[in-house]
Amino acid sequence: LVVVVMRGLLRQATQLRQDLSEVV
């Protein structure tokens, strides 16, 4: 369950990074 939560955090960070790269 902890790794599943960490996977969710990785998903959010990946999405934020993609969004940021589109803005820049």
PDBML (XML) file of the C-alpha atoms, coordinates in Angstrom:
<?xml version="1.0" encoding="UTF-8" ?>
<PDBx:datablock datablockName="MODEL"
   xmlns:PDBx="http://pdbml.pdb.org/schema/pdbx-v50.xsd"
   xmlns:xsi="http://www.w3.org/2001/XMLSchema-instance"
   xsi:schemaLocation="http://pdbml.pdb.org/schema/pdbx-v50.xsd pdbx-v50.xsd">
   <PDBx:atom_siteCategory>
      <PDBx:atom_site id="1">
         <PDBx:B_iso_or_equiv>0.00</PDBx:B_iso_or_equiv>
         <PDBx:Cartn_x>0.000</PDBx:Cartn_x>
         <PDBx:Cartn_y>0.000</PDBx:Cartn_y>
         <PDBx:Cartn_z>0.000</PDBx:Cartn_z>
         <PDBx:auth_asym_id>A</PDBx:auth_asym_id>
         <PDBx:auth_atom_id>CA</PDBx:auth_atom_id>
         <PDBx:auth_comp_id>LEU</PDBx:auth_comp_id>
         <PDBx:auth_seq_id>1</PDBx:auth_seq_id>
         <PDBx:group_PDB>ATOM</PDBx:group_PDB>
         <PDBx:label_alt_id xsi:nil="true" />
         <PDBx:label_asym_id>A</PDBx:label_asym_id>
         <PDBx:label_atom_id>CA</PDBx:label_atom_id>
         <PDBx:label_comp_id>LEU</PDBx:label_comp_id>
         <PDBx:label_entity_id>1</PDBx:label_entity_id>
         <PDBx:label_seq_id>1</PDBx:label_seq_id>
         <PDBx:occupancy>1.00</PDBx:occupancy>
         <PDBx:pdbx_PDB_model_num>1</PDBx:pdbx_PDB_model_num>
         <PDBx:type_symbol>C</PDBx:type_symbol>
      </PDBx:atom_site>
      <PDBx:atom_site id="2">
         <PDBx:B_iso_or_equiv>0.00</PDBx:B_iso_or_equiv>
         <PDBx:Cartn_x>2.855</PDBx:Cartn_x>
         <PDBx:Cartn_y>2.409</PDBx:Cartn_y>
         <PDBx:Cartn_z>0.738</PDBx:Cartn_z>
         <PDBx:auth_asym_id>A</PDBx:auth_asym_id>
         <PDBx:auth_atom_id>CA</PDBx:auth_atom_id>
         <PDBx:auth_comp_id>VAL</PDBx:auth_comp_id>
         <PDBx:auth_seq_id>2</PDBx:auth_seq_id>
         <PDBx:group_PDB>ATOM</PDBx:group_PDB>
         <PDBx:label_alt_id xsi:nil="true" />
         <PDBx:label_asym_id>A</PDBx:label_asym_id>
         <PDBx:label_atom_id>CA</PDBx:label_atom_id>
         <PDBx:label_comp_id>VAL</PDBx:label_comp_id>
         <PDBx:label_entity_id>1</PDBx:label_entity_id>
         <PDBx:label_seq_id>2</PDBx:label_seq_id>
         <PDBx:occupancy>1.00</PDBx:occupancy>
         <PDBx:pdbx_PDB_model_num>1</PDBx:pdbx_PDB_model_num>
         <PDBx:type_symbol>C</PDBx:type_symbol>
      </PDBx:atom_site>
      <PDBx:atom_site id="3">
         <PDBx:B_iso_or_equiv>0.00</PDBx:B_iso_or_equiv>
         <PDBx:Cartn_x>4.380</PDBx:Cartn_x>
         <PDBx:Cartn_y>1.703</PDBx:Cartn_y>
         <PDBx:Cartn_z>-2.678</PDBx:Cartn_z>
         <PDBx:auth_asym_id>A</PDBx:auth_asym_id>
         <PDBx:auth_atom_id>CA</PDBx:auth_atom_id>
         <PDBx:auth_comp_id>VAL</PDBx:auth_comp_id>
         <PDBx:auth_seq_id>3</PDBx:auth_seq_id>
         <PDBx:group_PDB>ATOM</PDBx:group_PDB>
         <PDBx:label_alt_id xsi:nil="true" />
         <PDBx:label_asym_id>A</PDBx:label_asym_id>
         <PDBx:label_atom_id>CA</PDBx:label_atom_id>
         <PDBx:label_comp_id>VAL</PDBx:label_comp_id>
         <PDBx:label_entity_id>1</PDBx:label_entity_id>
         <PDBx:label_seq_id>3</PDBx:label_seq_id>
         <PDBx:occupancy>1.00</PDBx:occupancy>
         <PDBx:pdbx_PDB_model_num>1</PDBx:pdbx_PDB_model_num>
         <PDBx:type_symbol>C</PDBx:type_symbol>
      </PDBx:atom_site>
      <PDBx:atom_site id="4">
         <PDBx:B_iso_or_equiv>0.00</PDBx:B_iso_or_equiv>
         <PDBx:Cartn_x>0.961</PDBx:Cartn_x>
         <PDBx:Cartn_y>2.201</PDBx:Cartn_y>
         <PDBx:Cartn_z>-4.317</PDBx:Cartn_z>
         <PDBx:auth_asym_id>A</PDBx:auth_asym_id>
         <PDBx:auth_atom_id>CA</PDBx:auth_atom_id>
         <PDBx:auth_comp_id>VAL</PDBx:auth_comp_id>
         <PDBx:auth_seq_id>4</PDBx:auth_seq_id>
         <PDBx:group_PDB>ATOM</PDBx:group_PDB>
         <PDBx:label_alt_id xsi:nil="true" />
         <PDBx:label_asym_id>A</PDBx:label_asym_id>
         <PDBx:label_atom_id>CA</PDBx:label_atom_id>
         <PDBx:label_comp_id>VAL</PDBx:label_comp_id>
         <PDBx:label_entity_id>1</PDBx:label_entity_id>
         <PDBx:label_seq_id>4</PDBx:label_seq_id>
         <PDBx:occupancy>1.00</PDBx:occupancy>
         <PDBx:pdbx_PDB_model_num>1</PDBx:pdbx_PDB_model_num>
         <PDBx:type_symbol>C</PDBx:type_symbol>
      </PDBx:atom_site>
      <PDBx:atom_site id="5">
         <PDBx:B_iso_or_equiv>0.00</PDBx:B_iso_or_equiv>
         <PDBx:Cartn_x>0.737</PDBx:Cartn_x>
         <PDBx:Cartn_y>5.624</PDBx:Cartn_y>
         <PDBx:Cartn_z>-2.615</PDBx:Cartn_z>
         <PDBx:auth_asym_id>A</PDBx:auth_asym_id>
         <PDBx:auth_atom_id>CA</PDBx:auth_atom_id>
         <PDBx:auth_comp_id>VAL</PDBx:auth_comp_id>
         <PDBx:auth_seq_id>5</PDBx:auth_seq_id>
         <PDBx:group_PDB>ATOM</PDBx:group_PDB>
         <PDBx:label_alt_id xsi:nil="true" />
         <PDBx:label_asym_id>A</PDBx:label_asym_id>
         <PDBx:label_atom_id>CA</PDBx:label_atom_id>
         <PDBx:label_comp_id>VAL</PDBx:label_comp_id>
         <PDBx:label_entity_id>1</PDBx:label_entity_id>
         <PDBx:label_seq_id>5</PDBx:label_seq_id>
         <PDBx:occupancy>1.00</PDBx:occupancy>
         <PDBx:pdbx_PDB_model_num>1</PDBx:pdbx_PDB_model_num>
         <PDBx:type_symbol>C</PDBx:type_symbol>
      </PDBx:atom_site>
      <PDBx:atom_site id="6">
         <PDBx:B_iso_or_equiv>0.00</PDBx:B_iso_or_equiv>
         <PDBx:Cartn_x>4.295</PDBx:Cartn_x>
         <PDBx:Cartn_y>6.420</PDBx:Cartn_y>
         <PDBx:Cartn_z>-3.748</PDBx:Cartn_z>
         <PDBx:auth_asym_id>A</PDBx:auth_asym_id>
         <PDBx:auth_atom_id>CA</PDBx:auth_atom_id>
         <PDBx:auth_comp_id>MET</PDBx:auth_comp_id>
         <PDBx:auth_seq_id>6</PDBx:auth_seq_id>
         <PDBx:group_PDB>ATOM</PDBx:group_PDB>
         <PDBx:label_alt_id xsi:nil="true" />
         <PDBx:label_asym_id>A</PDBx:label_asym_id>
         <PDBx:label_atom_id>CA</PDBx:label_atom_id>
         <PDBx:label_comp_id>MET</PDBx:label_comp_id>
         <PDBx:label_entity_id>1</PDBx:label_entity_id>
         <PDBx:label_seq_id>6</PDBx:label_seq_id>
         <PDBx:occupancy>1.00</PDBx:occupancy>
         <PDBx:pdbx_PDB_model_num>1</PDBx:pdbx_PDB_model_num>
         <PDBx:type_symbol>C</PDBx:type_symbol>
      </PDBx:atom_site>
      <PDBx:atom_site id="7">
         <PDBx:B_iso_or_equiv>0.00</PDBx:B_iso_or_equiv>
         <PDBx:Cartn_x>3.291</PDBx:Cartn_x>
         <PDBx:Cartn_y>5.412</PDBx:Cartn_y>
         <PDBx:Cartn_z>-7.291</PDBx:Cartn_z>
         <PDBx:auth_asym_id>A</PDBx:auth_asym_id>
         <PDBx:auth_atom_id>CA</PDBx:auth_atom_id>
         <PDBx:auth_comp_id>ARG</PDBx:auth_comp_id>
         <PDBx:auth_seq_id>7</PDBx:auth_seq_id>
         <PDBx:group_PDB>ATOM</PDBx:group_PDB>
         <PDBx:label_alt_id xsi:nil="true" />
         <PDBx:label_asym_id>A</PDBx:label_asym_id>
         <PDBx:label_atom_id>CA</PDBx:label_atom_id>
         <PDBx:label_comp_id>ARG</PDBx:label_comp_id>
         <PDBx:label_entity_id>1</PDBx:label_entity_id>
         <PDBx:label_seq_id>7</PDBx:label_seq_id>
         <PDBx:occupancy>1.00</PDBx:occupancy>
         <PDBx:pdbx_PDB_model_num>1</PDBx:pdbx_PDB_model_num>
         <PDBx:type_symbol>C</PDBx:type_symbol>
      </PDBx:atom_site>
      <PDBx:atom_site id="8">
         <PDBx:B_iso_or_equiv>0.00</PDBx:B_iso_or_equiv>
         <PDBx:Cartn_x>0.427</PDBx:Cartn_x>
         <PDBx:Cartn_y>7.908</PDBx:Cartn_y>
         <PDBx:Cartn_z>-7.093</PDBx:Cartn_z>
         <PDBx:auth_asym_id>A</PDBx:auth_asym_id>
         <PDBx:auth_atom_id>CA</PDBx:auth_atom_id>
         <PDBx:auth_comp_id>GLY</PDBx:auth_comp_id>
         <PDBx:auth_seq_id>8</PDBx:auth_seq_id>
         <PDBx:group_PDB>ATOM</PDBx:group_PDB>
         <PDBx:label_alt_id xsi:nil="true" />
         <PDBx:label_asym_id>A</PDBx:label_asym_id>
         <PDBx:label_atom_id>CA</PDBx:label_atom_id>
         <PDBx:label_comp_id>GLY</PDBx:label_comp_id>
         <PDBx:label_entity_id>1</PDBx:label_entity_id>
         <PDBx:label_seq_id>8</PDBx:label_seq_id>
         <PDBx:occupancy>1.00</PDBx:occupancy>
         <PDBx:pdbx_PDB_model_num>1</PDBx:pdbx_PDB_model_num>
         <PDBx:type_symbol>C</PDBx:type_symbol>
      </PDBx:atom_site>
      <PDBx:atom_site id="9">
         <PDBx:B_iso_or_equiv>0.00</PDBx:B_iso_or_equiv>
         <PDBx:Cartn_x>2.836</PDBx:Cartn_x>
         <PDBx:Cartn_y>10.618</PDBx:Cartn_y>
         <PDBx:Cartn_z>-5.984</PDBx:Cartn_z>
         <PDBx:auth_asym_id>A</PDBx:auth_asym_id>
         <PDBx:auth_atom_id>CA</PDBx:auth_atom_id>
         <PDBx:auth_comp_id>LEU</PDBx:auth_comp_id>
         <PDBx:auth_seq_id>9</PDBx:auth_seq_id>
         <PDBx:group_PDB>ATOM</PDBx:group_PDB>
         <PDBx:label_alt_id xsi:nil="true" />
         <PDBx:label_asym_id>A</PDBx:label_asym_id>
         <PDBx:label_atom_id>CA</PDBx:label_atom_id>
         <PDBx:label_comp_id>LEU</PDBx:label_comp_id>
         <PDBx:label_entity_id>1</PDBx:label_entity_id>
         <PDBx:label_seq_id>9</PDBx:label_seq_id>
         <PDBx:occupancy>1.00</PDBx:occupancy>
         <PDBx:pdbx_PDB_model_num>1</PDBx:pdbx_PDB_model_num>
         <PDBx:type_symbol>C</PDBx:type_symbol>
      </PDBx:atom_site>
      <PDBx:atom_site id="10">
         <PDBx:B_iso_or_equiv>0.00</PDBx:B_iso_or_equiv>
         <PDBx:Cartn_x>5.150</PDBx:Cartn_x>
         <PDBx:Cartn_y>9.727</PDBx:Cartn_y>
         <PDBx:Cartn_z>-8.870</PDBx:Cartn_z>
         <PDBx:auth_asym_id>A</PDBx:auth_asym_id>
         <PDBx:auth_atom_id>CA</PDBx:auth_atom_id>
         <PDBx:auth_comp_id>LEU</PDBx:auth_comp_id>
         <PDBx:auth_seq_id>10</PDBx:auth_seq_id>
         <PDBx:group_PDB>ATOM</PDBx:group_PDB>
         <PDBx:label_alt_id xsi:nil="true" />
         <PDBx:label_asym_id>A</PDBx:label_asym_id>
         <PDBx:label_atom_id>CA</PDBx:label_atom_id>
         <PDBx:label_comp_id>LEU</PDBx:label_comp_id>
         <PDBx:label_entity_id>1</PDBx:label_entity_id>
         <PDBx:label_seq_id>10</PDBx:label_seq_id>
         <PDBx:occupancy>1.00</PDBx:occupancy>
         <PDBx:pdbx_PDB_model_num>1</PDBx:pdbx_PDB_model_num>
         <PDBx:type_symbol>C</PDBx:type_symbol>
      </PDBx:atom_site>
      <PDBx:atom_site id="11">
         <PDBx:B_iso_or_equiv>0.00</PDBx:B_iso_or_equiv>
         <PDBx:Cartn_x>2.180</PDBx:Cartn_x>
         <PDBx:Cartn_y>9.981</PDBx:Cartn_y>
         <PDBx:Cartn_z>-11.248</PDBx:Cartn_z>
         <PDBx:auth_asym_id>A</PDBx:auth_asym_id>
         <PDBx:auth_atom_id>CA</PDBx:auth_atom_id>
         <PDBx:auth_comp_id>ARG</PDBx:auth_comp_id>
         <PDBx:auth_seq_id>11</PDBx:auth_seq_id>
         <PDBx:group_PDB>ATOM</PDBx:group_PDB>
         <PDBx:label_alt_id xsi:nil="true" />
         <PDBx:label_asym_id>A</PDBx:label_asym_id>
         <PDBx:label_atom_id>CA</PDBx:label_atom_id>
         <PDBx:label_comp_id>ARG</PDBx:label_comp_id>
         <PDBx:label_entity_id>1</PDBx:label_entity_id>
         <PDBx:label_seq_id>11</PDBx:label_seq_id>
         <PDBx:occupancy>1.00</PDBx:occupancy>
         <PDBx:pdbx_PDB_model_num>1</PDBx:pdbx_PDB_model_num>
         <PDBx:type_symbol>C</PDBx:type_symbol>
      </PDBx:atom_site>
      <PDBx:atom_site id="12">
         <PDBx:B_iso_or_equiv>0.00</PDBx:B_iso_or_equiv>
         <PDBx:Cartn_x>1.311</PDBx:Cartn_x>
         <PDBx:Cartn_y>13.451</PDBx:Cartn_y>
         <PDBx:Cartn_z>-9.909</PDBx:Cartn_z>
         <PDBx:auth_asym_id>A</PDBx:auth_asym_id>
         <PDBx:auth_atom_id>CA</PDBx:auth_atom_id>
         <PDBx:auth_comp_id>GLN</PDBx:auth_comp_id>
         <PDBx:auth_seq_id>12</PDBx:auth_seq_id>
         <PDBx:group_PDB>ATOM</PDBx:group_PDB>
         <PDBx:label_alt_id xsi:nil="true" />
         <PDBx:label_asym_id>A</PDBx:label_asym_id>
         <PDBx:label_atom_id>CA</PDBx:label_atom_id>
         <PDBx:label_comp_id>GLN</PDBx:label_comp_id>
         <PDBx:label_entity_id>1</PDBx:label_entity_id>
         <PDBx:label_seq_id>12</PDBx:label_seq_id>
         <PDBx:occupancy>1.00</PDBx:occupancy>
         <PDBx:pdbx_PDB_model_num>1</PDBx:pdbx_PDB_model_num>
         <PDBx:type_symbol>C</PDBx:type_symbol>
      </PDBx:atom_site>
      <PDBx:atom_site id="13">
         <PDBx:B_iso_or_equiv>0.00</PDBx:B_iso_or_equiv>
         <PDBx:Cartn_x>4.921</PDBx:Cartn_x>
         <PDBx:Cartn_y>14.640</PDBx:Cartn_y>
         <PDBx:Cartn_z>-10.086</PDBx:Cartn_z>
         <PDBx:auth_asym_id>A</PDBx:auth_asym_id>
         <PDBx:auth_atom_id>CA</PDBx:auth_atom_id>
         <PDBx:auth_comp_id>ALA</PDBx:auth_comp_id>
         <PDBx:auth_seq_id>13</PDBx:auth_seq_id>
         <PDBx:group_PDB>ATOM</PDBx:group_PDB>
         <PDBx:label_alt_id xsi:nil="true" />
         <PDBx:label_asym_id>A</PDBx:label_asym_id>
         <PDBx:label_atom_id>CA</PDBx:label_atom_id>
         <PDBx:label_comp_id>ALA</PDBx:label_comp_id>
         <PDBx:label_entity_id>1</PDBx:label_entity_id>
         <PDBx:label_seq_id>13</PDBx:label_seq_id>
         <PDBx:occupancy>1.00</PDBx:occupancy>
         <PDBx:pdbx_PDB_model_num>1</PDBx:pdbx_PDB_model_num>
         <PDBx:type_symbol>C</PDBx:type_symbol>
      </PDBx:atom_site>
      <PDBx:atom_site id="14">
         <PDBx:B_iso_or_equiv>0.00</PDBx:B_iso_or_equiv>
         <PDBx:Cartn_x>5.248</PDBx:Cartn_x>
         <PDBx:Cartn_y>13.321</PDBx:Cartn_y>
         <PDBx:Cartn_z>-13.632</PDBx:Cartn_z>
         <PDBx:auth_asym_id>A</PDBx:auth_asym_id>
         <PDBx:auth_atom_id>CA</PDBx:auth_atom_id>
         <PDBx:auth_comp_id>THR</PDBx:auth_comp_id>
         <PDBx:auth_seq_id>14</PDBx:auth_seq_id>
         <PDBx:group_PDB>ATOM</PDBx:group_PDB>
         <PDBx:label_alt_id xsi:nil="true" />
         <PDBx:label_asym_id>A</PDBx:label_asym_id>
         <PDBx:label_atom_id>CA</PDBx:label_atom_id>
         <PDBx:label_comp_id>THR</PDBx:label_comp_id>
         <PDBx:label_entity_id>1</PDBx:label_entity_id>
         <PDBx:label_seq_id>14</PDBx:label_seq_id>
         <PDBx:occupancy>1.00</PDBx:occupancy>
         <PDBx:pdbx_PDB_model_num>1</PDBx:pdbx_PDB_model_num>
         <PDBx:type_symbol>C</PDBx:type_symbol>
      </PDBx:atom_site>
      <PDBx:atom_site id="15">
         <PDBx:B_iso_or_equiv>0.00</PDBx:B_iso_or_equiv>
         <PDBx:Cartn_x>2.069</PDBx:Cartn_x>
         <PDBx:Cartn_y>15.120</PDBx:Cartn_y>
         <PDBx:Cartn_z>-14.664</PDBx:Cartn_z>
         <PDBx:auth_asym_id>A</PDBx:auth_asym_id>
         <PDBx:auth_atom_id>CA</PDBx:auth_atom_id>
         <PDBx:auth_comp_id>GLN</PDBx:auth_comp_id>
         <PDBx:auth_seq_id>15</PDBx:auth_seq_id>
         <PDBx:group_PDB>ATOM</PDBx:group_PDB>
         <PDBx:label_alt_id xsi:nil="true" />
         <PDBx:label_asym_id>A</PDBx:label_asym_id>
         <PDBx:label_atom_id>CA</PDBx:label_atom_id>
         <PDBx:label_comp_id>GLN</PDBx:label_comp_id>
         <PDBx:label_entity_id>1</PDBx:label_entity_id>
         <PDBx:label_seq_id>15</PDBx:label_seq_id>
         <PDBx:occupancy>1.00</PDBx:occupancy>
         <PDBx:pdbx_PDB_model_num>1</PDBx:pdbx_PDB_model_num>
         <PDBx:type_symbol>C</PDBx:type_symbol>
      </PDBx:atom_site>
      <PDBx:atom_site id="16">
         <PDBx:B_iso_or_equiv>0.00</PDBx:B_iso_or_equiv>
         <PDBx:Cartn_x>3.209</PDBx:Cartn_x>
         <PDBx:Cartn_y>18.353</PDBx:Cartn_y>
         <PDBx:Cartn_z>-13.023</PDBx:Cartn_z>
         <PDBx:auth_asym_id>A</PDBx:auth_asym_id>
         <PDBx:auth_atom_id>CA</PDBx:auth_atom_id>
         <PDBx:auth_comp_id>LEU</PDBx:auth_comp_id>
         <PDBx:auth_seq_id>16</PDBx:auth_seq_id>
         <PDBx:group_PDB>ATOM</PDBx:group_PDB>
         <PDBx:label_alt_id xsi:nil="true" />
         <PDBx:label_asym_id>A</PDBx:label_asym_id>
         <PDBx:label_atom_id>CA</PDBx:label_atom_id>
         <PDBx:label_comp_id>LEU</PDBx:label_comp_id>
         <PDBx:label_entity_id>1</PDBx:label_entity_id>
         <PDBx:label_seq_id>16</PDBx:label_seq_id>
         <PDBx:occupancy>1.00</PDBx:occupancy>
         <PDBx:pdbx_PDB_model_num>1</PDBx:pdbx_PDB_model_num>
         <PDBx:type_symbol>C</PDBx:type_symbol>
      </PDBx:atom_site>
      <PDBx:atom_site id="17">
         <PDBx:B_iso_or_equiv>0.00</PDBx:B_iso_or_equiv>
         <PDBx:Cartn_x>6.557</PDBx:Cartn_x>
         <PDBx:Cartn_y>18.134</PDBx:Cartn_y>
         <PDBx:Cartn_z>-14.774</PDBx:Cartn_z>
         <PDBx:auth_asym_id>A</PDBx:auth_asym_id>
         <PDBx:auth_atom_id>CA</PDBx:auth_atom_id>
         <PDBx:auth_comp_id>ARG</PDBx:auth_comp_id>
         <PDBx:auth_seq_id>17</PDBx:auth_seq_id>
         <PDBx:group_PDB>ATOM</PDBx:group_PDB>
         <PDBx:label_alt_id xsi:nil="true" />
         <PDBx:label_asym_id>A</PDBx:label_asym_id>
         <PDBx:label_atom_id>CA</PDBx:label_atom_id>
         <PDBx:label_comp_id>ARG</PDBx:label_comp_id>
         <PDBx:label_entity_id>1</PDBx:label_entity_id>
         <PDBx:label_seq_id>17</PDBx:label_seq_id>
         <PDBx:occupancy>1.00</PDBx:occupancy>
         <PDBx:pdbx_PDB_model_num>1</PDBx:pdbx_PDB_model_num>
         <PDBx:type_symbol>C</PDBx:type_symbol>
      </PDBx:atom_site>
      <PDBx:atom_site id="18">
         <PDBx:B_iso_or_equiv>0.00</PDBx:B_iso_or_equiv>
         <PDBx:Cartn_x>4.870</PDBx:Cartn_x>
         <PDBx:Cartn_y>17.567</PDBx:Cartn_y>
         <PDBx:Cartn_z>-18.129</PDBx:Cartn_z>
         <PDBx:auth_asym_id>A</PDBx:auth_asym_id>
         <PDBx:auth_atom_id>CA</PDBx:auth_atom_id>
         <PDBx:auth_comp_id>GLN</PDBx:auth_comp_id>
         <PDBx:auth_seq_id>18</PDBx:auth_seq_id>
         <PDBx:group_PDB>ATOM</PDBx:group_PDB>
         <PDBx:label_alt_id xsi:nil="true" />
         <PDBx:label_asym_id>A</PDBx:label_asym_id>
         <PDBx:label_atom_id>CA</PDBx:label_atom_id>
         <PDBx:label_comp_id>GLN</PDBx:label_comp_id>
         <PDBx:label_entity_id>1</PDBx:label_entity_id>
         <PDBx:label_seq_id>18</PDBx:label_seq_id>
         <PDBx:occupancy>1.00</PDBx:occupancy>
         <PDBx:pdbx_PDB_model_num>1</PDBx:pdbx_PDB_model_num>
         <PDBx:type_symbol>C</PDBx:type_symbol>
      </PDBx:atom_site>
      <PDBx:atom_site id="19">
         <PDBx:B_iso_or_equiv>0.00</PDBx:B_iso_or_equiv>
         <PDBx:Cartn_x>2.529</PDBx:Cartn_x>
         <PDBx:Cartn_y>20.494</PDBx:Cartn_y>
         <PDBx:Cartn_z>-17.530</PDBx:Cartn_z>
         <PDBx:auth_asym_id>A</PDBx:auth_asym_id>
         <PDBx:auth_atom_id>CA</PDBx:auth_atom_id>
         <PDBx:auth_comp_id>ASP</PDBx:auth_comp_id>
         <PDBx:auth_seq_id>19</PDBx:auth_seq_id>
         <PDBx:group_PDB>ATOM</PDBx:group_PDB>
         <PDBx:label_alt_id xsi:nil="true" />
         <PDBx:label_asym_id>A</PDBx:label_asym_id>
         <PDBx:label_atom_id>CA</PDBx:label_atom_id>
         <PDBx:label_comp_id>ASP</PDBx:label_comp_id>
         <PDBx:label_entity_id>1</PDBx:label_entity_id>
         <PDBx:label_seq_id>19</PDBx:label_seq_id>
         <PDBx:occupancy>1.00</PDBx:occupancy>
         <PDBx:pdbx_PDB_model_num>1</PDBx:pdbx_PDB_model_num>
         <PDBx:type_symbol>C</PDBx:type_symbol>
      </PDBx:atom_site>
      <PDBx:atom_site id="20">
         <PDBx:B_iso_or_equiv>0.00</PDBx:B_iso_or_equiv>
         <PDBx:Cartn_x>5.448</PDBx:Cartn_x>
         <PDBx:Cartn_y>22.709</PDBx:Cartn_y>
         <PDBx:Cartn_z>-16.516</PDBx:Cartn_z>
         <PDBx:auth_asym_id>A</PDBx:auth_asym_id>
         <PDBx:auth_atom_id>CA</PDBx:auth_atom_id>
         <PDBx:auth_comp_id>LEU</PDBx:auth_comp_id>
         <PDBx:auth_seq_id>20</PDBx:auth_seq_id>
         <PDBx:group_PDB>ATOM</PDBx:group_PDB>
         <PDBx:label_alt_id xsi:nil="true" />
         <PDBx:label_asym_id>A</PDBx:label_asym_id>
         <PDBx:label_atom_id>CA</PDBx:label_atom_id>
         <PDBx:label_comp_id>LEU</PDBx:label_comp_id>
         <PDBx:label_entity_id>1</PDBx:label_entity_id>
         <PDBx:label_seq_id>20</PDBx:label_seq_id>
         <PDBx:occupancy>1.00</PDBx:occupancy>
         <PDBx:pdbx_PDB_model_num>1</PDBx:pdbx_PDB_model_num>
         <PDBx:type_symbol>C</PDBx:type_symbol>
      </PDBx:atom_site>
      <PDBx:atom_site id="21">
         <PDBx:B_iso_or_equiv>0.00</PDBx:B_iso_or_equiv>
         <PDBx:Cartn_x>7.451</PDBx:Cartn_x>
         <PDBx:Cartn_y>21.758</PDBx:Cartn_y>
         <PDBx:Cartn_z>-19.610</PDBx:Cartn_z>
         <PDBx:auth_asym_id>A</PDBx:auth_asym_id>
         <PDBx:auth_atom_id>CA</PDBx:auth_atom_id>
         <PDBx:auth_comp_id>SER</PDBx:auth_comp_id>
         <PDBx:auth_seq_id>21</PDBx:auth_seq_id>
         <PDBx:group_PDB>ATOM</PDBx:group_PDB>
         <PDBx:label_alt_id xsi:nil="true" />
         <PDBx:label_asym_id>A</PDBx:label_asym_id>
         <PDBx:label_atom_id>CA</PDBx:label_atom_id>
         <PDBx:label_comp_id>SER</PDBx:label_comp_id>
         <PDBx:label_entity_id>1</PDBx:label_entity_id>
         <PDBx:label_seq_id>21</PDBx:label_seq_id>
         <PDBx:occupancy>1.00</PDBx:occupancy>
         <PDBx:pdbx_PDB_model_num>1</PDBx:pdbx_PDB_model_num>
         <PDBx:type_symbol>C</PDBx:type_symbol>
      </PDBx:atom_site>
      <PDBx:atom_site id="22">
         <PDBx:B_iso_or_equiv>0.00</PDBx:B_iso_or_equiv>
         <PDBx:Cartn_x>4.485</PDBx:Cartn_x>
         <PDBx:Cartn_y>22.710</PDBx:Cartn_y>
         <PDBx:Cartn_z>-21.806</PDBx:Cartn_z>
         <PDBx:auth_asym_id>A</PDBx:auth_asym_id>
         <PDBx:auth_atom_id>CA</PDBx:auth_atom_id>
         <PDBx:auth_comp_id>GLU</PDBx:auth_comp_id>
         <PDBx:auth_seq_id>22</PDBx:auth_seq_id>
         <PDBx:group_PDB>ATOM</PDBx:group_PDB>
         <PDBx:label_alt_id xsi:nil="true" />
         <PDBx:label_asym_id>A</PDBx:label_asym_id>
         <PDBx:label_atom_id>CA</PDBx:label_atom_id>
         <PDBx:label_comp_id>GLU</PDBx:label_comp_id>
         <PDBx:label_entity_id>1</PDBx:label_entity_id>
         <PDBx:label_seq_id>22</PDBx:label_seq_id>
         <PDBx:occupancy>1.00</PDBx:occupancy>
         <PDBx:pdbx_PDB_model_num>1</PDBx:pdbx_PDB_model_num>
         <PDBx:type_symbol>C</PDBx:type_symbol>
      </PDBx:atom_site>
      <PDBx:atom_site id="23">
         <PDBx:B_iso_or_equiv>0.00</PDBx:B_iso_or_equiv>
         <PDBx:Cartn_x>4.256</PDBx:Cartn_x>
         <PDBx:Cartn_y>26.107</PDBx:Cartn_y>
         <PDBx:Cartn_z>-20.117</PDBx:Cartn_z>
         <PDBx:auth_asym_id>A</PDBx:auth_asym_id>
         <PDBx:auth_atom_id>CA</PDBx:auth_atom_id>
         <PDBx:auth_comp_id>VAL</PDBx:auth_comp_id>
         <PDBx:auth_seq_id>23</PDBx:auth_seq_id>
         <PDBx:group_PDB>ATOM</PDBx:group_PDB>
         <PDBx:label_alt_id xsi:nil="true" />
         <PDBx:label_asym_id>A</PDBx:label_asym_id>
         <PDBx:label_atom_id>CA</PDBx:label_atom_id>
         <PDBx:label_comp_id>VAL</PDBx:label_comp_id>
         <PDBx:label_entity_id>1</PDBx:label_entity_id>
         <PDBx:label_seq_id>23</PDBx:label_seq_id>
         <PDBx:occupancy>1.00</PDBx:occupancy>
         <PDBx:pdbx_PDB_model_num>1</PDBx:pdbx_PDB_model_num>
         <PDBx:type_symbol>C</PDBx:type_symbol>
      </PDBx:atom_site>
      <PDBx:atom_site id="24">
         <PDBx:B_iso_or_equiv>0.00</PDBx:B_iso_or_equiv>
         <PDBx:Cartn_x>7.960</PDBx:Cartn_x>
         <PDBx:Cartn_y>26.788</PDBx:Cartn_y>
         <PDBx:Cartn_z>-20.475</PDBx:Cartn_z>
         <PDBx:auth_asym_id>A</PDBx:auth_asym_id>
         <PDBx:auth_atom_id>CA</PDBx:auth_atom_id>
         <PDBx:auth_comp_id>VAL</PDBx:auth_comp_id>
         <PDBx:auth_seq_id>24</PDBx:auth_seq_id>
         <PDBx:group_PDB>ATOM</PDBx:group_PDB>
         <PDBx:label_alt_id xsi:nil="true" />
         <PDBx:label_asym_id>A</PDBx:label_asym_id>
         <PDBx:label_atom_id>CA</PDBx:label_atom_id>
         <PDBx:label_comp_id>VAL</PDBx:label_comp_id>
         <PDBx:label_entity_id>1</PDBx:label_entity_id>
         <PDBx:label_seq_id>24</PDBx:label_seq_id>
         <PDBx:occupancy>1.00</PDBx:occupancy>
         <PDBx:pdbx_PDB_model_num>1</PDBx:pdbx_PDB_model_num>
         <PDBx:type_symbol>C</PDBx:type_symbol>
      </PDBx:atom_site>
   </PDBx:atom_siteCategory>
</PDBx:datablock>
